[in-house]
N, C-alpha and C. Protein backbone atom coordinates (compact mmCIF):
# COMPACT_ATOMS: atom_id res chain seq x y z
N MET A 1 115.88 111.13 159.63
CA MET A 1 114.80 110.17 159.80
C MET A 1 114.32 110.15 161.26
N ALA A 2 115.25 110.15 162.19
CA ALA A 2 114.87 110.12 163.61
C ALA A 2 114.09 111.36 163.99
N ASP A 3 114.46 112.50 163.41
CA ASP A 3 113.75 113.75 163.69
C ASP A 3 112.31 113.66 163.20
N ASN A 4 112.09 113.03 162.06
CA ASN A 4 110.75 112.86 161.50
C ASN A 4 109.90 111.98 162.42
N THR A 5 110.49 110.92 162.94
CA THR A 5 109.77 110.03 163.84
C THR A 5 109.42 110.75 165.14
N LEU A 6 110.34 111.55 165.64
CA LEU A 6 110.10 112.31 166.86
C LEU A 6 108.96 113.29 166.65
N HIS A 7 108.96 113.97 165.51
CA HIS A 7 107.91 114.94 165.20
C HIS A 7 106.56 114.24 165.09
N SER A 8 106.53 113.10 164.44
CA SER A 8 105.31 112.32 164.28
C SER A 8 104.80 111.84 165.64
N SER A 9 105.71 111.40 166.50
CA SER A 9 105.33 110.94 167.82
C SER A 9 104.78 112.08 168.67
N ALA A 10 105.39 113.25 168.57
CA ALA A 10 104.92 114.41 169.33
C ALA A 10 103.52 114.80 168.88
N ARG A 11 103.26 114.71 167.59
CA ARG A 11 101.92 115.04 167.06
C ARG A 11 100.90 114.04 167.58
N ALA A 12 101.25 112.76 167.58
CA ALA A 12 100.33 111.73 168.08
C ALA A 12 100.04 111.95 169.56
N ASN A 13 101.07 112.30 170.33
CA ASN A 13 100.86 112.56 171.76
C ASN A 13 99.95 113.77 171.97
N TRP A 14 100.13 114.80 171.16
CA TRP A 14 99.27 115.99 171.27
C TRP A 14 97.82 115.62 170.97
N LEU A 15 97.61 114.85 169.91
CA LEU A 15 96.25 114.43 169.56
C LEU A 15 95.64 113.59 170.67
N GLU A 16 96.44 112.71 171.27
CA GLU A 16 95.94 111.88 172.37
C GLU A 16 95.55 112.74 173.56
N ARG A 17 96.38 113.70 173.91
CA ARG A 17 96.06 114.58 175.05
C ARG A 17 94.84 115.43 174.75
N ARG A 18 94.74 115.93 173.55
CA ARG A 18 93.66 116.85 173.20
C ARG A 18 92.30 116.16 173.13
N PHE A 19 92.26 114.98 172.51
CA PHE A 19 90.98 114.33 172.25
C PHE A 19 90.75 113.05 173.05
N ALA A 20 91.72 112.60 173.82
CA ALA A 20 91.62 111.38 174.65
C ALA A 20 91.07 110.21 173.84
N LEU A 21 91.70 109.95 172.71
CA LEU A 21 91.21 108.90 171.81
C LEU A 21 91.25 107.52 172.46
N ARG A 22 92.37 107.17 173.07
CA ARG A 22 92.51 105.82 173.65
C ARG A 22 91.52 105.57 174.78
N SER A 23 91.33 106.57 175.62
CA SER A 23 90.43 106.36 176.75
C SER A 23 88.98 106.23 176.30
N ARG A 24 88.68 106.71 175.11
CA ARG A 24 87.32 106.59 174.56
C ARG A 24 87.19 105.41 173.60
N GLY A 25 88.28 104.66 173.44
CA GLY A 25 88.23 103.46 172.61
C GLY A 25 88.37 103.73 171.13
N GLY A 26 88.96 104.85 170.76
CA GLY A 26 89.11 105.18 169.34
C GLY A 26 90.56 105.22 168.92
N THR A 27 90.75 105.35 167.62
CA THR A 27 92.08 105.53 167.06
C THR A 27 92.04 106.69 166.09
N LEU A 28 93.20 107.19 165.73
CA LEU A 28 93.27 108.29 164.77
C LEU A 28 92.66 107.87 163.44
N ARG A 29 92.91 106.64 163.02
CA ARG A 29 92.37 106.15 161.75
C ARG A 29 90.84 106.14 161.78
N THR A 30 90.26 105.65 162.87
CA THR A 30 88.81 105.60 163.01
C THR A 30 88.21 107.00 162.96
N GLU A 31 88.83 107.93 163.66
CA GLU A 31 88.31 109.30 163.69
C GLU A 31 88.40 109.96 162.32
N CYS A 32 89.49 109.72 161.59
CA CYS A 32 89.63 110.28 160.24
C CYS A 32 88.58 109.70 159.30
N LEU A 33 88.36 108.39 159.36
CA LEU A 33 87.35 107.76 158.52
C LEU A 33 85.95 108.28 158.86
N ALA A 34 85.67 108.49 160.13
CA ALA A 34 84.37 109.03 160.53
C ALA A 34 84.19 110.45 160.02
N GLY A 35 85.23 111.25 160.07
CA GLY A 35 85.16 112.61 159.56
C GLY A 35 84.93 112.65 158.07
N ILE A 36 85.64 111.82 157.33
CA ILE A 36 85.47 111.76 155.88
C ILE A 36 84.07 111.27 155.53
N THR A 37 83.59 110.26 156.23
CA THR A 37 82.24 109.74 156.00
C THR A 37 81.18 110.79 156.25
N GLY A 38 81.31 111.51 157.34
CA GLY A 38 80.36 112.58 157.65
C GLY A 38 80.37 113.68 156.61
N PHE A 39 81.57 114.05 156.15
CA PHE A 39 81.69 115.08 155.13
C PHE A 39 81.04 114.64 153.82
N LEU A 40 81.30 113.41 153.40
CA LEU A 40 80.72 112.92 152.15
C LEU A 40 79.20 112.81 152.24
N ALA A 41 78.69 112.41 153.39
CA ALA A 41 77.23 112.34 153.57
C ALA A 41 76.62 113.72 153.47
N ALA A 42 77.24 114.72 154.10
CA ALA A 42 76.71 116.08 154.04
C ALA A 42 76.79 116.63 152.62
N ALA A 43 77.89 116.36 151.92
CA ALA A 43 78.03 116.84 150.55
C ALA A 43 76.97 116.20 149.65
N TYR A 44 76.71 114.92 149.84
CA TYR A 44 75.68 114.22 149.07
C TYR A 44 74.31 114.85 149.31
N LEU A 45 74.00 115.11 150.57
CA LEU A 45 72.69 115.70 150.89
C LEU A 45 72.55 117.10 150.31
N LEU A 46 73.63 117.87 150.29
CA LEU A 46 73.57 119.21 149.70
C LEU A 46 73.27 119.17 148.21
N VAL A 47 73.62 118.08 147.56
CA VAL A 47 73.34 117.93 146.13
C VAL A 47 71.95 117.34 145.90
N VAL A 48 71.56 116.35 146.67
CA VAL A 48 70.33 115.60 146.42
C VAL A 48 69.08 116.34 146.88
N ILE A 49 69.08 116.91 148.06
CA ILE A 49 67.87 117.51 148.62
C ILE A 49 67.32 118.65 147.76
N PRO A 50 68.14 119.58 147.27
CA PRO A 50 67.57 120.62 146.40
C PRO A 50 66.90 120.04 145.14
N GLY A 51 67.48 118.97 144.61
CA GLY A 51 66.87 118.33 143.45
C GLY A 51 65.52 117.71 143.78
N LEU A 52 65.42 117.10 144.93
CA LEU A 52 64.14 116.52 145.36
C LEU A 52 63.09 117.59 145.60
N LEU A 53 63.50 118.70 146.18
CA LEU A 53 62.56 119.78 146.43
C LEU A 53 62.10 120.44 145.13
N ALA A 54 62.96 120.48 144.14
CA ALA A 54 62.60 121.08 142.86
C ALA A 54 61.59 120.22 142.11
N ILE A 55 61.68 118.90 142.26
CA ILE A 55 60.76 117.99 141.58
C ILE A 55 59.38 118.06 142.21
N GLY A 56 59.33 118.07 143.52
CA GLY A 56 58.07 117.98 144.25
C GLY A 56 57.45 119.30 144.38
């Protein structure tokens, strides 16, 4: 269990060093939600826009 916590902590430290989340006022949760939201918006547009162009 302690090894798992150490590994998780090392990963969080790497993410913090790489992306400077705290200094920019963000968290890992916020960044993940933003990424998922952006992906879903792009996927939606890839489905909807061709349909709109086909109608018009």
